[in-house]
Amino acid sequence: MGFMDEVSSGGGTKLLKFDGRAGKYVVRGSEATFNGQEFVVDVYSANGGFLKFKGKGEPPERRMGLVFPKDLAPALTRAIAAVKAGGPAVVDVVADPR
């Protein structure tokens, strides 16, 4: 059985988190680690987020979203091409035509 067979439930996305105390990446809800492993990532479906803790007795604010929104792919492609050609690139995520 391969590593991904061990940590995958057969379908769906596995969430990884970094355990700063142990200094390793682990599968959320498991003891399986991803250190020293190679795997393929679909960056356009990668999600990131944060928790913002508030006052005592208040629920934390949770924010999750795409790290690389798909609608920015054309703008990012143009910026990468400009940099590879030796020029500067700026991506305006608000006004850049997609």
Protein backbone atom coordinates (compact mmCIF):
# COMPACT_ATOMS: atom_id res chain seq x y z
CA MET A 1 0.00 0.00 0.00
CA GLY A 2 1.35 3.42 -0.95
CA PHE A 3 1.59 6.49 1.22
CA MET A 4 -1.36 8.23 -0.41
CA ASP A 5 -3.47 5.10 0.01
CA GLU A 6 -2.73 5.25 3.72
CA VAL A 7 -3.71 8.90 4.19
CA SER A 8 -6.44 9.19 1.58
CA SER A 9 -10.03 8.25 2.25
CA GLY A 10 -10.43 7.29 -1.39
CA GLY A 11 -11.95 10.58 -2.43
CA GLY A 12 -12.00 14.20 -1.52
CA THR A 13 -9.30 16.60 -0.53
CA LYS A 14 -6.96 16.04 2.38
CA LEU A 15 -6.20 19.07 4.49
CA LEU A 16 -2.60 19.56 5.56
CA LYS A 17 -1.50 21.64 8.48
CA PHE A 18 1.92 22.58 9.79
CA ASP A 19 2.62 21.49 13.35
CA GLY A 20 5.05 24.19 14.49
CA ARG A 21 5.91 22.44 17.73
CA ALA A 22 6.91 19.22 15.98
CA GLY A 23 8.18 20.99 12.84
CA LYS A 24 6.28 18.79 10.39
CA TYR A 25 3.29 18.78 8.06
CA VAL A 26 0.51 16.42 9.06
CA VAL A 27 -2.82 15.34 7.62
CA ARG A 28 -5.56 17.03 9.59
CA GLY A 29 -7.13 14.57 12.00
CA SER A 30 -4.32 12.03 11.57
CA GLU A 31 -0.78 11.31 12.69
CA ALA A 32 0.41 10.76 9.08
CA THR A 33 3.15 13.22 8.07
CA PHE A 34 4.08 14.64 4.67
CA ASN A 35 7.73 15.40 5.46
CA GLY A 36 10.09 13.93 2.89
CA GLN A 37 7.22 12.96 0.60
CA GLU A 38 6.57 14.12 -2.95
CA PHE A 39 3.04 14.78 -4.13
CA VAL A 40 1.21 16.69 -6.84
CA VAL A 41 -0.75 19.80 -5.93
CA ASP A 42 -3.46 21.49 -7.97
CA VAL A 43 -2.55 25.04 -6.98
CA TYR A 44 -5.68 26.51 -8.53
CA SER A 45 -7.81 24.58 -6.05
CA ALA A 46 -5.53 25.22 -3.05
CA ASN A 47 -7.30 26.90 -0.15
CA GLY A 48 -5.88 28.96 2.66
CA GLY A 49 -7.34 30.75 5.56
CA PHE A 50 -7.09 31.93 9.12
CA LEU A 51 -8.87 32.08 12.44
CA LYS A 52 -9.12 35.40 14.23
CA PHE A 53 -9.83 34.95 17.90
CA LYS A 54 -12.06 37.54 19.53
CA GLY A 55 -13.08 38.18 23.09
CA LYS A 56 -13.89 35.54 25.65
CA GLY A 57 -17.12 33.70 24.85
CA GLU A 58 -17.21 34.93 21.23
CA PRO A 59 -16.73 32.52 18.33
CA PRO A 60 -13.61 33.07 16.22
CA GLU A 61 -13.87 34.66 12.78
CA ARG A 62 -13.03 32.05 10.13
CA ARG A 63 -11.88 32.96 6.63
CA MET A 64 -11.13 30.41 3.91
CA GLY A 65 -10.69 30.91 0.21
CA LEU A 66 -8.73 30.09 -2.89
CA VAL A 67 -5.03 30.93 -2.70
CA PHE A 68 -4.81 31.45 -6.46
CA PRO A 69 -8.25 32.38 -7.81
CA LYS A 70 -8.86 30.92 -11.27
CA ASP A 71 -10.01 34.24 -12.65
CA LEU A 72 -6.50 35.63 -12.02
CA ALA A 73 -4.80 32.93 -14.10
CA PRO A 74 -4.69 35.02 -17.32
CA ALA A 75 -3.27 38.04 -15.47
CA LEU A 76 -0.68 35.88 -13.70
CA THR A 77 0.28 34.21 -16.99
CA ARG A 78 0.89 37.64 -18.58
CA ALA A 79 2.92 38.77 -15.57
CA ILE A 80 5.10 35.64 -15.63
CA ALA A 81 5.72 36.10 -19.37
CA ALA A 82 6.72 39.75 -18.79
CA VAL A 83 9.19 38.78 -16.04
CA LYS A 84 10.68 35.98 -18.15
CA ALA A 85 11.18 38.54 -20.93
CA GLY A 86 13.17 40.70 -18.50
CA GLY A 87 10.53 43.30 -17.76
CA PRO A 88 8.64 44.25 -14.62
CA ALA A 89 5.17 42.97 -13.87
CA VAL A 90 2.37 44.17 -11.64
CA VAL A 91 -0.92 42.34 -11.25
CA ASP A 92 -3.78 44.58 -10.19
CA VAL A 93 -6.23 42.12 -8.67
CA VAL A 94 -9.03 44.69 -8.69
CA ALA A 95 -8.85 46.40 -12.08
CA ASP A 96 -6.79 44.01 -14.26
CA PRO A 97 -8.99 42.75 -17.10
CA ARG A 98 -9.44 39.02 -16.87
